């Protein structure tokens, strides 16, 4: 689901546009979730409305901490949360890549100039 080079870039924190890879995207007509969670052994996608597990993500073969999976019975993007499992520890949280980038091109330009007054 993710090209090996992209997976390595994500794992190393060097990908130029992680929002293009991580989060939920439609792939071949199915909602597919990609998560980078280096401290988890397993990651589950939960329906945000019901709290029920929709799919357990598979670890990427070439990049530790990267998980991917497709929601089998869903046909569109849906609100979700993540459940992380590491040994006996279980915690839930939102996927920051679910929300999309929050800064636009003008924000980036002003920030780089040091002139952004409403960041």
C-alpha atoms as a PDB file:
ATOM      1  CA  UNK A   1       0.000   0.000   0.000  1.00  0.00           C
ATOM      2  CA  UNK A   2       2.918   2.350   0.617  1.00  0.00           C
ATOM      3  CA  UNK A   3       6.000   2.294  -1.567  1.00  0.00           C
ATOM      4  CA  UNK A   4       9.083   1.208   0.405  1.00  0.00           C
ATOM      5  CA  UNK A   5      10.935   4.501  -0.222  1.00  0.00           C
ATOM      6  CA  UNK A   6       7.978   6.508   1.102  1.00  0.00           C
ATOM      7  CA  UNK A   7       7.690   4.219   4.114  1.00  0.00           C
ATOM      8  CA  UNK A   8      11.348   4.779   4.990  1.00  0.00           C
ATOM      9  CA  UNK A   9      10.950   8.550   4.574  1.00  0.00           C
ATOM     10  CA  UNK A  10       7.947   8.565   6.919  1.00  0.00           C
ATOM     11  CA  UNK A  11       9.760   6.426   9.509  1.00  0.00           C
ATOM     12  CA  UNK A  12      12.802   8.707   9.361  1.00  0.00           C
ATOM     13  CA  UNK A  13      10.709  11.905   9.576  1.00  0.00           C
ATOM     14  CA  UNK A  14      11.957  13.080   6.171  1.00  0.00           C
ATOM     15  CA  UNK A  15       8.823  12.815   4.002  1.00  0.00           C
ATOM     16  CA  UNK A  16       8.072  16.122   2.277  1.00  0.00           C
ATOM     17  CA  UNK A  17       4.270  15.732   2.517  1.00  0.00           C
ATOM     18  CA  UNK A  18       3.189  13.249   5.220  1.00  0.00           C
ATOM     19  CA  UNK A  19      -0.458  14.352   4.865  1.00  0.00           C
ATOM     20  CA  UNK A  20      -0.409  12.832   1.366  1.00  0.00           C
ATOM     21  CA  UNK A  21       0.449   9.436   2.864  1.00  0.00           C
ATOM     22  CA  UNK A  22      -0.760   9.237   6.462  1.00  0.00           C
ATOM     23  CA  UNK A  23      -4.365   9.379   7.660  1.00  0.00           C
ATOM     24  CA  UNK A  24      -7.388   8.049   5.792  1.00  0.00           C
ATOM     25  CA  UNK A  25      -7.463   8.152   1.992  1.00  0.00           C
ATOM     26  CA  UNK A  26      -9.644   6.505  -0.619  1.00  0.00           C
ATOM     27  CA  UNK A  27      -7.580   3.833  -2.388  1.00  0.00           C
ATOM     28  CA  UNK A  28      -9.263   1.853  -5.149  1.00  0.00           C
ATOM     29  CA  UNK A  29     -12.669   2.959  -3.835  1.00  0.00           C
ATOM     30  CA  UNK A  30     -12.020   1.872  -0.235  1.00  0.00           C
ATOM     31  CA  UNK A  31     -11.085   3.931   2.828  1.00  0.00           C
ATOM     32  CA  UNK A  32      -7.494   3.056   3.670  1.00  0.00           C
ATOM     33  CA  UNK A  33      -5.778   4.181   6.873  1.00  0.00           C
ATOM     34  CA  UNK A  34      -2.034   4.658   7.277  1.00  0.00           C
ATOM     35  CA  UNK A  35      -0.577   5.447  10.692  1.00  0.00           C
ATOM     36  CA  UNK A  36       2.929   5.986  12.000  1.00  0.00           C
ATOM     37  CA  UNK A  37       3.009   4.775  15.615  1.00  0.00           C
ATOM     38  CA  UNK A  38       6.556   3.677  16.499  1.00  0.00           C
ATOM     39  CA  UNK A  39       5.654   2.850  20.117  1.00  0.00           C
ATOM     40  CA  UNK A  40       2.748   0.535  19.286  1.00  0.00           C
ATOM     41  CA  UNK A  41       2.725  -3.189  18.610  1.00  0.00           C
ATOM     42  CA  UNK A  42      -0.777  -3.019  17.137  1.00  0.00           C
ATOM     43  CA  UNK A  43      -3.126  -0.285  15.925  1.00  0.00           C
ATOM     44  CA  UNK A  44      -6.894  -0.529  15.508  1.00  0.00           C
ATOM     45  CA  UNK A  45      -9.195   1.892  13.708  1.00  0.00           C
ATOM     46  CA  UNK A  46     -12.346   2.690  15.696  1.00  0.00           C
ATOM     47  CA  UNK A  47     -15.583   4.185  14.411  1.00  0.00           C
ATOM     48  CA  UNK A  48     -15.676   7.574  16.195  1.00  0.00           C
ATOM     49  CA  UNK A  49     -19.468   7.412  16.624  1.00  0.00           C
ATOM     50  CA  UNK A  50     -19.797   3.879  18.032  1.00  0.00           C
ATOM     51  CA  UNK A  51     -16.311   3.272  19.436  1.00  0.00           C
ATOM     52  CA  UNK A  52     -16.271  -0.160  17.815  1.00  0.00           C
ATOM     53  CA  UNK A  53     -13.165  -1.500  16.089  1.00  0.00           C
ATOM     54  CA  UNK A  54     -13.494  -1.377  12.306  1.00  0.00           C
ATOM     55  CA  UNK A  55     -10.131  -2.838  11.292  1.00  0.00           C
ATOM     56  CA  UNK A  56      -6.794  -3.840  12.800  1.00  0.00           C
ATOM     57  CA  UNK A  57      -3.975  -2.311  10.783  1.00  0.00           C
ATOM     58  CA  UNK A  58      -1.116  -4.425   9.465  1.00  0.00           C
ATOM     59  CA  UNK A  59       2.493  -3.464  10.204  1.00  0.00           C
ATOM     60  CA  UNK A  60       4.491  -2.403   7.154  1.00  0.00           C
ATOM     61  CA  UNK A  61       7.105  -5.011   6.281  1.00  0.00           C
ATOM     62  CA  UNK A  62       9.922  -2.512   5.640  1.00  0.00           C
ATOM     63  CA  UNK A  63       9.295   0.350   8.066  1.00  0.00           C
ATOM     64  CA  UNK A  64       8.914  -0.272  11.782  1.00  0.00           C
ATOM     65  CA  UNK A  65       6.088   1.744  13.320  1.00  0.00           C
ATOM     66  CA  UNK A  66       4.131   2.166  10.099  1.00  0.00           C
ATOM     67  CA  UNK A  67       0.718   0.477   9.943  1.00  0.00           C
ATOM     68  CA  UNK A  68      -1.796   0.242   7.085  1.00  0.00           C
ATOM     69  CA  UNK A  69      -5.195  -1.267   6.459  1.00  0.00           C
ATOM     70  CA  UNK A  70      -8.468  -0.951   4.582  1.00  0.00           C
ATOM     71  CA  UNK A  71     -11.892  -0.722   6.225  1.00  0.00           C
ATOM     72  CA  UNK A  72     -13.589  -3.757   4.667  1.00  0.00           C
ATOM     73  CA  UNK A  73     -17.252  -2.745   4.772  1.00  0.00           C
ATOM     74  CA  UNK A  74     -16.938   1.021   4.312  1.00  0.00           C
ATOM     75  CA  UNK A  75     -17.375   2.857   1.036  1.00  0.00           C
ATOM     76  CA  UNK A  76     -16.444   6.401   2.092  1.00  0.00           C
ATOM     77  CA  UNK A  77     -14.230   8.375   4.454  1.00  0.00           C
ATOM     78  CA  UNK A  78     -15.652   8.270   7.992  1.00  0.00           C
ATOM     79  CA  UNK A  79     -14.780   9.845  11.369  1.00  0.00           C
ATOM     80  CA  UNK A  80     -12.397   7.579  13.266  1.00  0.00           C
ATOM     81  CA  UNK A  81     -10.120   7.291  16.270  1.00  0.00           C
ATOM     82  CA  UNK A  82      -7.181   5.002  16.886  1.00  0.00           C
ATOM     83  CA  UNK A  83      -6.508   2.396  19.566  1.00  0.00           C
ATOM     84  CA  UNK A  84      -2.850   1.675  20.214  1.00  0.00           C
ATOM     85  CA  UNK A  85      -1.652  -1.514  21.904  1.00  0.00           C
ATOM     86  CA  UNK A  86       1.842  -2.042  23.287  1.00  0.00           C
ATOM     87  CA  UNK A  87       2.183  -5.134  25.474  1.00  0.00           C
ATOM     88  CA  UNK A  88      -0.410  -4.764  28.249  1.00  0.00           C
ATOM     89  CA  UNK A  89      -0.847  -1.031  27.646  1.00  0.00           C
ATOM     90  CA  UNK A  90      -3.813   0.177  25.607  1.00  0.00           C
ATOM     91  CA  UNK A  91      -4.634   3.796  24.805  1.00  0.00           C
ATOM     92  CA  UNK A  92      -6.818   5.659  22.344  1.00  0.00           C
ATOM     93  CA  UNK A  93      -6.385   8.926  20.531  1.00  0.00           C
ATOM     94  CA  UNK A  94      -7.135  10.940  17.455  1.00  0.00           C
ATOM     95  CA  UNK A  95      -5.031  10.636  14.353  1.00  0.00           C
ATOM     96  CA  UNK A  96      -3.520  14.091  13.739  1.00  0.00           C
ATOM     97  CA  UNK A  97      -3.458  13.334  10.005  1.00  0.00           C
ATOM     98  CA  UNK A  98      -7.234  12.942  10.029  1.00  0.00           C
ATOM     99  CA  UNK A  99      -7.660  16.717  10.166  1.00  0.00           C
ATOM    100  CA  UNK A 100      -5.471  17.805   7.262  1.00  0.00           C
ATOM    101  CA  UNK A 101      -2.923  20.613   7.191  1.00  0.00           C
ATOM    102  CA  UNK A 102      -3.888  23.688   9.184  1.00  0.00           C
ATOM    103  CA  UNK A 103      -1.454  26.161   7.622  1.00  0.00           C
ATOM    104  CA  UNK A 104      -1.904  27.492   4.119  1.00  0.00           C
ATOM    105  CA  UNK A 105       0.718  28.765   1.693  1.00  0.00           C
ATOM    106  CA  UNK A 106       0.406  32.366   2.932  1.00  0.00           C
ATOM    107  CA  UNK A 107       0.856  31.198   6.542  1.00  0.00           C
ATOM    108  CA  UNK A 108       4.022  29.349   5.553  1.00  0.00           C
ATOM    109  CA  UNK A 109       5.340  32.358   3.622  1.00  0.00           C
ATOM    110  CA  UNK A 110       4.766  34.768   6.527  1.00  0.00           C
ATOM    111  CA  UNK A 111       6.138  32.272   9.058  1.00  0.00           C
ATOM    112  CA  UNK A 112       9.334  31.828   7.019  1.00  0.00           C
ATOM    113  CA  UNK A 113       9.719  35.624   6.859  1.00  0.00           C
ATOM    114  CA  UNK A 114       9.237  35.864  10.616  1.00  0.00           C
ATOM    115  CA  UNK A 115       6.307  38.201   9.989  1.00  0.00           C
ATOM    116  CA  UNK A 116       3.295  36.040  10.851  1.00  0.00           C
ATOM    117  CA  UNK A 117       1.333  37.975  13.485  1.00  0.00           C
ATOM    118  CA  UNK A 118      -1.665  35.665  13.858  1.00  0.00           C
ATOM    119  CA  UNK A 119      -0.138  32.211  13.935  1.00  0.00           C
END
